[in-house]
């Protein structure tokens, strides 16, 4: 199941990239029906089928390039749906073995809703709310798959072999010298990381709204927009849905698109500063694990790459490759932040397990005769010595030739 989940993550990334490519090449309505294309399973290519398609949809004649963009995206999305269905079936069958069940079932429901959004994207003629929801749905699918993979990997290979001291090997690498301070820091990190997640998801939604309304080039000057942008601000209009028969190429006026673009830029600044501060705090703190430092560094690299891609979109007038990568790196940044949150939960969970072990050991070795004999006595050494100790069911006394280090 772990390999299937990993493959599904790869497929979800491909679907996100293909979705961005389809949107940026104005191929969202390349096939005006759903799930087929002009009533076919593939793009009509023969003269006879093209003539039939044009007769059936006279308002949207066949454009093979756009139609193939749309259909390839659907093929990959359909394959991803089958993989998620397989994951859910395996999870149900293996639920007695401790395999996660709720998350695969949530994924199945999410992928069904995502398919419905894909259909509404076509049938409602690129309604911006649906297009943005479809984008967020794709990010939600890959996020849930990634969380499931982390859980499966931890359960299958990275989980400690004993229940009594599950974090001994991990905490040895932390360099933490004071557990109470480290626990407080991890709790604070969890809180601020969740705020960062909310900030990042909001920024992704703003980017999706800007793209869905074709406002990516509404401002082409730095640092904010062209002169006179203050007079064009219309927040209410920018975040409303005007009445239109077709939303292809946008239905908002210029001022509303300028507002969308400026809000997205300010959101980018806020997101960058917040995640930058979060990543730096992870790197410089002595209460973070080596894994968290690695994830924090990776997140900062993704963050800086994303900002550079965003600036390139403006400076070079939205080149297709850069715009597609801007979507892809946003997904990478989201997954890196989720990975950081996962490591925090893991550290806190294992810290609680170590606390339980210590209390059990105190209870077990509390009799005076045994302490006098020194067989199971607890050595009041610094906390990091306990973390570097053996992962046996009791804490061994510090003695020459013991199991320290």
Protein backbone atom coordinates (compact mmCIF):
# COMPACT_ATOMS: atom_id res chain seq x y z
CA UNK A 1 0.00 0.00 0.00
CA UNK A 2 2.92 2.32 0.70
CA UNK A 3 4.24 1.93 -2.86
CA UNK A 4 0.77 2.47 -4.30
CA UNK A 5 0.39 5.63 -2.24
CA UNK A 6 3.79 6.89 -3.39
CA UNK A 7 2.82 6.23 -7.01
CA UNK A 8 -0.46 8.07 -6.42
CA UNK A 9 1.45 11.09 -5.11
CA UNK A 10 3.46 11.12 -8.32
CA UNK A 11 0.25 10.87 -10.35
CA UNK A 12 -1.37 13.68 -8.35
CA UNK A 13 1.65 15.91 -9.02
CA UNK A 14 1.38 15.15 -12.74
CA UNK A 15 -2.35 15.96 -12.66
CA UNK A 16 -1.67 19.30 -10.96
CA UNK A 17 0.97 20.19 -13.55
CA UNK A 18 -1.26 19.11 -16.43
CA UNK A 19 -4.18 21.03 -14.95
CA UNK A 20 -2.08 24.18 -14.79
CA UNK A 21 -0.86 23.61 -18.33
CA UNK A 22 -4.42 23.09 -19.56
CA UNK A 23 -5.61 26.27 -17.86
CA UNK A 24 -2.67 28.37 -19.06
CA UNK A 25 -3.08 27.23 -22.66
CA UNK A 26 -6.77 28.22 -22.53
CA UNK A 27 -7.75 24.59 -23.07
CA UNK A 28 -10.21 24.30 -20.21
CA UNK A 29 -13.01 24.06 -22.76
CA UNK A 30 -10.94 22.20 -25.34
CA UNK A 31 -13.58 19.48 -25.06
CA UNK A 32 -16.99 21.12 -24.53
CA UNK A 33 -18.55 17.97 -23.03
CA UNK A 34 -17.65 15.60 -20.20
CA UNK A 35 -16.22 13.01 -19.65
CA UNK A 36 -15.57 12.38 -23.33
CA UNK A 37 -14.52 14.77 -26.05
CA UNK A 38 -17.19 15.73 -28.58
CA UNK A 39 -18.93 12.47 -27.73
CA UNK A 40 -15.78 10.35 -28.20
CA UNK A 41 -13.33 8.70 -25.82
CA UNK A 42 -10.49 10.43 -27.66
CA UNK A 43 -10.08 13.65 -29.59
CA UNK A 44 -11.83 13.40 -33.01
CA UNK A 45 -9.17 13.49 -35.72
CA UNK A 46 -10.65 12.04 -38.90
CA UNK A 47 -12.45 14.42 -41.23
CA UNK A 48 -15.72 12.61 -40.68
CA UNK A 49 -15.53 12.76 -36.88
CA UNK A 50 -14.37 16.38 -36.92
CA UNK A 51 -17.32 17.30 -39.12
CA UNK A 52 -19.69 15.50 -36.77
CA UNK A 53 -18.15 17.23 -33.75
CA UNK A 54 -18.39 20.66 -35.33
CA UNK A 55 -22.02 20.01 -36.24
CA UNK A 56 -22.81 18.93 -32.68
CA UNK A 57 -20.97 21.89 -31.12
CA UNK A 58 -21.04 24.69 -33.71
CA UNK A 59 -20.15 27.31 -31.10
CA UNK A 60 -16.88 25.50 -30.32
CA UNK A 61 -15.22 23.87 -33.34
CA UNK A 62 -12.54 21.25 -32.78
CA UNK A 63 -9.06 22.54 -31.89
CA UNK A 64 -6.96 19.40 -31.65
CA UNK A 65 -4.18 20.94 -29.56
CA UNK A 66 -6.50 22.24 -26.86
CA UNK A 67 -8.64 19.13 -26.95
CA UNK A 68 -5.63 16.85 -26.42
CA UNK A 69 -4.45 19.02 -23.53
CA UNK A 70 -7.80 18.59 -21.85
CA UNK A 71 -8.14 14.87 -22.55
CA UNK A 72 -4.62 13.96 -21.40
CA UNK A 73 -5.38 15.76 -18.16
CA UNK A 74 -8.58 13.72 -17.82
CA UNK A 75 -6.79 10.44 -18.56
CA UNK A 76 -4.25 11.04 -15.80
CA UNK A 77 -6.95 12.25 -13.40
CA UNK A 78 -8.98 9.12 -14.10
CA UNK A 79 -5.96 6.91 -13.44
CA UNK A 80 -5.39 8.74 -10.17
CA UNK A 81 -9.01 8.09 -9.22
CA UNK A 82 -8.57 4.37 -9.81
CA UNK A 83 -5.42 4.37 -7.64
CA UNK A 84 -7.25 6.12 -4.81
CA UNK A 85 -10.07 3.58 -5.11
CA UNK A 86 -7.50 0.77 -4.85
CA UNK A 87 -5.99 2.42 -1.77
CA UNK A 88 -9.41 2.60 -0.13
CA UNK A 89 -10.12 -1.06 -0.89
CA UNK A 90 -6.77 -2.16 0.54
CA UNK A 91 -7.34 -0.02 3.63
CA UNK A 92 -10.74 -1.63 4.26
CA UNK A 93 -9.32 -5.13 3.83
CA UNK A 94 -6.32 -4.47 6.08
CA UNK A 95 -8.08 -2.41 8.75
CA UNK A 96 -7.53 -5.15 11.32
CA UNK A 97 -3.76 -4.85 10.82
CA UNK A 98 -3.66 -1.24 11.90
CA UNK A 99 -3.73 0.24 8.39
CA UNK A 100 -5.19 3.78 8.37
CA UNK A 101 -8.82 3.66 7.26
CA UNK A 102 -10.36 7.09 7.75
CA UNK A 103 -7.84 8.93 5.59
CA UNK A 104 -8.18 6.57 2.57
CA UNK A 105 -11.97 6.83 2.78
CA UNK A 106 -11.69 10.62 2.99
CA UNK A 107 -9.44 10.51 -0.06
CA UNK A 108 -11.99 8.47 -1.96
CA UNK A 109 -14.74 10.96 -1.19
CA UNK A 110 -12.43 13.82 -2.09
CA UNK A 111 -11.49 12.33 -5.45
CA UNK A 112 -15.17 11.80 -6.30
CA UNK A 113 -15.93 15.42 -5.46
CA UNK A 114 -12.88 16.47 -7.48
CA UNK A 115 -14.26 14.61 -10.49
CA UNK A 116 -17.55 16.45 -10.04
CA UNK A 117 -15.67 19.76 -9.98
CA UNK A 118 -13.94 18.76 -13.20
CA UNK A 119 -17.32 18.14 -14.80
CA UNK A 120 -18.75 21.45 -13.53
CA UNK A 121 -15.68 23.26 -14.83
CA UNK A 122 -16.79 22.28 -18.33
CA UNK A 123 -20.57 22.36 -17.97
CA UNK A 124 -20.55 25.76 -16.20
CA UNK A 125 -18.13 27.25 -18.76
CA UNK A 126 -15.14 27.85 -16.44
CA UNK A 127 -17.09 29.43 -13.59
CA UNK A 128 -14.26 30.98 -11.50
CA UNK A 129 -15.47 29.57 -8.17
CA UNK A 130 -15.48 26.06 -9.64
CA UNK A 131 -12.10 26.49 -11.33
CA UNK A 132 -10.52 27.70 -8.08
CA UNK A 133 -12.23 24.89 -6.16
CA UNK A 134 -10.90 22.38 -8.67
CA UNK A 135 -7.38 23.71 -8.10
CA UNK A 136 -7.73 23.54 -4.32
CA UNK A 137 -9.20 20.05 -4.65
CA UNK A 138 -6.09 18.90 -6.50
CA UNK A 139 -3.87 20.33 -3.77
CA UNK A 140 -6.07 18.67 -1.13
CA UNK A 141 -5.76 15.27 -2.82
CA UNK A 142 -1.98 15.38 -3.02
CA UNK A 143 -1.80 16.64 0.58
CA UNK A 144 -3.92 13.78 1.92
CA UNK A 145 -1.92 11.27 -0.10
CA UNK A 146 1.32 12.68 1.29
CA UNK A 147 0.05 12.53 4.88
CA UNK A 148 -1.07 8.94 4.30
CA UNK A 149 2.36 8.06 2.91
CA UNK A 150 4.09 9.59 5.93
CA UNK A 151 1.91 7.57 8.27
CA UNK A 152 2.47 4.35 6.34
CA UNK A 153 6.22 4.92 6.17
CA UNK A 154 6.45 5.60 9.87
CA UNK A 155 4.34 2.55 10.71
CA UNK A 156 6.16 0.23 8.32
CA UNK A 157 9.80 1.22 8.57
CA UNK A 158 10.56 4.25 10.67
CA UNK A 159 8.60 3.35 13.75
CA UNK A 160 10.71 2.31 16.71
CA UNK A 161 10.81 -1.39 17.50
CA UNK A 162 9.75 -1.01 21.14
CA UNK A 163 6.78 0.75 22.65
CA UNK A 164 8.60 1.75 25.80
CA UNK A 165 11.24 4.03 24.28
CA UNK A 166 10.07 4.90 20.78
CA UNK A 167 12.09 8.07 20.36
CA UNK A 168 15.47 7.07 21.74
CA UNK A 169 17.16 6.96 18.36
CA UNK A 170 15.45 10.14 17.17
CA UNK A 171 16.06 12.21 20.27
CA UNK A 172 19.70 11.20 20.26
CA UNK A 173 20.04 13.29 17.08
CA UNK A 174 18.09 16.24 18.41
CA UNK A 175 20.75 17.70 20.63
CA UNK A 176 18.02 18.63 23.10
CA UNK A 177 19.40 19.19 26.60
CA UNK A 178 16.19 20.20 28.35
CA UNK A 179 13.03 18.21 27.67
CA UNK A 180 10.56 20.67 29.25
CA UNK A 181 11.85 23.53 27.11
CA UNK A 182 11.88 21.33 24.03
CA UNK A 183 8.30 20.23 24.66
CA UNK A 184 7.13 23.83 24.97
CA UNK A 185 8.98 24.75 21.79
CA UNK A 186 7.45 21.84 19.87
CA UNK A 187 3.97 22.84 20.98
CA UNK A 188 4.58 26.43 19.94
CA UNK A 189 6.03 25.23 16.64
CA UNK A 190 2.90 23.18 16.02
CA UNK A 191 0.71 26.22 16.66
CA UNK A 192 2.66 28.57 14.41
CA UNK A 193 3.07 25.91 11.71
CA UNK A 194 -0.71 25.52 11.54
CA UNK A 195 -1.06 29.28 11.19
CA UNK A 196 1.50 29.09 8.39
CA UNK A 197 -0.56 26.35 6.76
CA UNK A 198 -3.61 28.59 6.84
CA UNK A 199 -1.63 31.50 5.38
CA UNK A 200 -0.20 29.33 2.59
CA UNK A 201 -3.56 27.76 1.66
CA UNK A 202 -5.13 31.23 1.54
CA UNK A 203 -2.35 32.40 -0.77
CA UNK A 204 -2.81 29.37 -3.02
CA UNK A 205 -6.54 30.13 -3.18
CA UNK A 206 -5.77 33.76 -4.09
CA UNK A 207 -3.47 32.53 -6.84
CA UNK A 208 -6.17 30.20 -8.10
CA UNK A 209 -8.72 33.03 -8.10
CA UNK A 210 -6.32 35.32 -9.96
CA UNK A 211 -5.61 32.66 -12.56
CA UNK A 212 -9.25 31.59 -12.94
CA UNK A 213 -10.20 35.19 -13.74
CA UNK A 214 -7.29 35.74 -16.14
CA UNK A 215 -5.81 38.46 -13.95
CA UNK A 216 -2.21 37.20 -13.90
CA UNK A 217 -1.09 40.03 -16.21
CA UNK A 218 -3.39 42.73 -14.87
CA UNK A 219 -0.29 44.35 -13.33
CA UNK A 220 3.01 44.22 -15.16
CA UNK A 221 5.03 46.76 -13.17
CA UNK A 222 6.81 46.48 -9.85
CA UNK A 223 6.53 46.66 -6.91
CA UNK A 224 2.73 47.00 -6.81
CA UNK A 225 1.16 47.86 -10.16
CA UNK A 226 0.94 50.54 -12.83
CA UNK A 227 0.48 54.13 -11.70
CA UNK A 228 -3.03 54.98 -10.59
CA UNK A 229 -3.75 51.53 -9.23
CA UNK A 230 -5.14 53.05 -6.02
CA UNK A 231 -8.13 54.49 -7.90
CA UNK A 232 -8.91 51.12 -9.49
CA UNK A 233 -9.22 49.11 -6.28
CA UNK A 234 -12.59 47.32 -6.07
CA UNK A 235 -12.45 44.55 -3.48
CA UNK A 236 -16.18 43.78 -3.55
CA UNK A 237 -16.23 43.44 -7.32
CA UNK A 238 -12.96 41.50 -7.46
CA UNK A 239 -14.26 38.75 -5.19
CA UNK A 240 -17.72 38.43 -6.68
CA UNK A 241 -18.94 36.38 -9.61
CA UNK A 242 -20.54 38.48 -12.37
CA UNK A 243 -23.33 37.08 -14.49
CA UNK A 244 -22.04 35.70 -17.77
CA UNK A 245 -22.81 32.89 -20.18
CA UNK A 246 -19.13 32.02 -20.56
CA UNK A 247 -16.25 32.85 -18.22
CA UNK A 248 -13.47 31.95 -20.62
CA UNK A 249 -10.90 34.79 -20.72
CA UNK A 250 -12.61 36.39 -17.72
CA UNK A 251 -15.78 38.35 -17.03
CA UNK A 252 -14.47 40.98 -14.57
CA UNK A 253 -13.49 44.50 -15.60
CA UNK A 254 -9.93 45.75 -15.52
CA UNK A 255 -10.15 47.40 -12.10
CA UNK A 256 -11.43 44.22 -10.52
CA UNK A 257 -8.64 42.18 -12.07
CA UNK A 258 -6.08 44.71 -10.86
CA UNK A 259 -7.49 44.29 -7.36
CA UNK A 260 -7.16 40.49 -7.57
CA UNK A 261 -3.58 40.76 -8.71
CA UNK A 262 -2.58 43.28 -6.03
CA UNK A 263 -4.20 41.24 -3.25
CA UNK A 264 -2.31 38.18 -4.51
CA UNK A 265 0.95 40.16 -4.44
CA UNK A 266 0.40 41.41 -0.90
CA UNK A 267 -0.55 37.88 0.11
CA UNK A 268 2.72 36.65 -1.39
CA UNK A 269 4.68 39.12 0.73
CA UNK A 270 2.88 38.07 3.91
CA UNK A 271 3.31 34.37 3.11
CA UNK A 272 6.99 34.82 2.32
CA UNK A 273 7.77 36.73 5.52
CA UNK A 274 5.81 34.37 7.74
CA UNK A 275 7.21 31.13 6.32
CA UNK A 276 10.69 32.65 6.22
CA UNK A 277 10.48 33.43 9.93
CA UNK A 278 9.07 29.97 10.64
CA UNK A 279 11.80 28.21 8.67
CA UNK A 280 14.60 30.24 10.24
CA UNK A 281 13.26 29.57 13.74
CA UNK A 282 13.37 25.84 13.00
CA UNK A 283 16.94 26.05 11.74
CA UNK A 284 18.38 28.11 14.61
CA UNK A 285 16.56 26.50 17.53
CA UNK A 286 18.39 23.93 19.63
CA UNK A 287 15.05 22.27 20.44
CA UNK A 288 14.34 20.98 16.94
CA UNK A 289 15.24 17.56 15.62
CA UNK A 290 17.69 17.00 12.80
CA UNK A 291 14.75 15.87 10.66
CA UNK A 292 12.93 19.13 11.35
CA UNK A 293 16.00 21.15 10.43
CA UNK A 294 16.26 19.28 7.14
CA UNK A 295 12.57 19.81 6.37
CA UNK A 296 12.82 23.47 7.39
CA UNK A 297 15.78 24.03 5.07
CA UNK A 298 13.95 22.33 2.21
CA UNK A 299 10.89 24.49 2.87
CA UNK A 300 12.99 27.66 2.70
CA UNK A 301 14.50 26.59 -0.62
CA UNK A 302 11.02 25.92 -2.02
CA UNK A 303 9.81 29.26 -0.65
CA UNK A 304 12.61 31.24 -2.29
CA UNK A 305 12.12 29.32 -5.55
CA UNK A 306 8.41 30.12 -5.50
CA UNK A 307 9.05 33.83 -4.99
CA UNK A 308 11.58 33.84 -7.84
CA UNK A 309 9.05 32.13 -10.13
CA UNK A 310 6.36 34.62 -9.16
CA UNK A 311 8.61 37.56 -9.97
CA UNK A 312 9.59 35.91 -13.25
CA UNK A 313 5.93 35.61 -14.20
CA UNK A 314 5.61 39.39 -13.92
CA UNK A 315 8.94 40.40 -15.41
CA UNK A 316 8.79 38.03 -18.39
CA UNK A 317 5.02 38.37 -18.97
CA UNK A 318 3.83 34.95 -17.83
CA UNK A 319 5.98 32.48 -19.79
CA UNK A 320 4.22 29.12 -19.95
CA UNK A 321 6.99 27.03 -18.40
CA UNK A 322 7.49 29.43 -15.50
CA UNK A 323 3.76 29.72 -14.85
CA UNK A 324 3.35 25.93 -14.76
CA UNK A 325 6.33 25.58 -12.41
CA UNK A 326 4.80 28.25 -10.19
CA UNK A 327 1.88 25.88 -9.60
CA UNK A 328 4.12 22.85 -9.12
CA UNK A 329 6.42 24.52 -6.58
CA UNK A 330 3.38 25.76 -4.66
CA UNK A 331 2.45 22.11 -4.18
CA UNK A 332 6.01 21.27 -3.10
CA UNK A 333 5.96 24.13 -0.59
CA UNK A 334 2.65 22.92 0.82
CA UNK A 335 3.92 19.36 1.21
CA UNK A 336 7.11 20.52 2.91
CA UNK A 337 5.07 22.45 5.47
CA UNK A 338 2.84 19.43 6.06
CA UNK A 339 5.97 17.32 6.55
CA UNK A 340 7.19 19.78 9.16
CA UNK A 341 3.86 19.57 10.99
CA UNK A 342 4.03 15.79 10.87
CA UNK A 343 7.48 15.78 12.49
CA UNK A 344 6.16 18.00 15.28
CA UNK A 345 3.27 15.66 16.02
CA UNK A 346 5.70 12.76 15.93
CA UNK A 347 8.07 14.43 18.37
CA UNK A 348 5.25 15.30 20.80
CA UNK A 349 3.75 11.83 20.57
CA UNK A 350 7.05 10.15 21.27
CA UNK A 351 7.83 12.60 24.03
CA UNK A 352 4.62 11.51 25.76
CA UNK A 353 5.66 7.88 25.28
CA UNK A 354 9.01 8.59 26.95
CA UNK A 355 7.19 10.26 29.85
CA UNK A 356 5.04 7.18 30.29
CA UNK A 357 8.16 4.98 30.21
CA UNK A 358 9.83 7.08 32.88
CA UNK A 359 6.81 6.92 35.18
CA UNK A 360 6.53 3.18 34.68
CA UNK A 361 10.21 2.77 35.46
CA UNK A 362 9.89 4.84 38.63
CA UNK A 363 6.99 2.67 39.75
CA UNK A 364 8.84 -0.54 38.92
CA UNK A 365 12.10 0.36 40.61
CA UNK A 366 10.66 2.20 43.58
CA UNK A 367 11.29 -0.48 46.24
CA UNK A 368 14.21 0.25 48.54
CA UNK A 369 15.75 -3.25 48.52
CA UNK A 370 16.10 -3.21 44.76
CA UNK A 371 17.49 0.30 44.81
CA UNK A 372 19.93 -0.70 47.43
CA UNK A 373 21.06 -3.61 45.34
CA UNK A 374 21.43 -1.24 42.40
CA UNK A 375 19.75 -3.63 39.99
CA UNK A 376 17.08 -1.26 38.65
CA UNK A 377 18.04 2.08 40.17
CA UNK A 378 17.35 5.27 38.21
CA UNK A 379 20.37 7.40 37.62
CA UNK A 380 19.53 11.10 37.80
CA UNK A 381 21.66 12.06 34.85
CA UNK A 382 20.98 14.93 32.45
CA UNK A 383 18.03 14.32 30.16
CA UNK A 384 20.13 13.86 27.07
CA UNK A 385 21.84 10.91 28.73
CA UNK A 386 18.48 9.20 29.06
CA UNK A 387 17.67 9.95 25.45
CA UNK A 388 20.94 8.37 24.39
CA UNK A 389 20.25 5.31 26.46
CA UNK A 390 19.11 1.93 25.30
CA UNK A 391 15.56 1.42 24.11
CA UNK A 392 15.04 -1.48 26.52
CA UNK A 393 11.97 -1.68 28.76
CA UNK A 394 13.81 -0.08 31.69
CA UNK A 395 16.44 2.61 32.08
CA UNK A 396 19.81 1.06 32.81
CA UNK A 397 22.06 2.60 35.45
CA UNK A 398 25.06 4.45 34.17
CA UNK A 399 28.04 2.19 34.64
CA UNK A 400 31.27 1.40 32.86
CA UNK A 401 30.61 -0.84 29.90
CA UNK A 402 26.91 0.05 29.89
CA UNK A 403 24.70 0.77 26.85
CA UNK A 404 25.28 4.52 26.59
CA UNK A 405 25.86 6.43 23.38
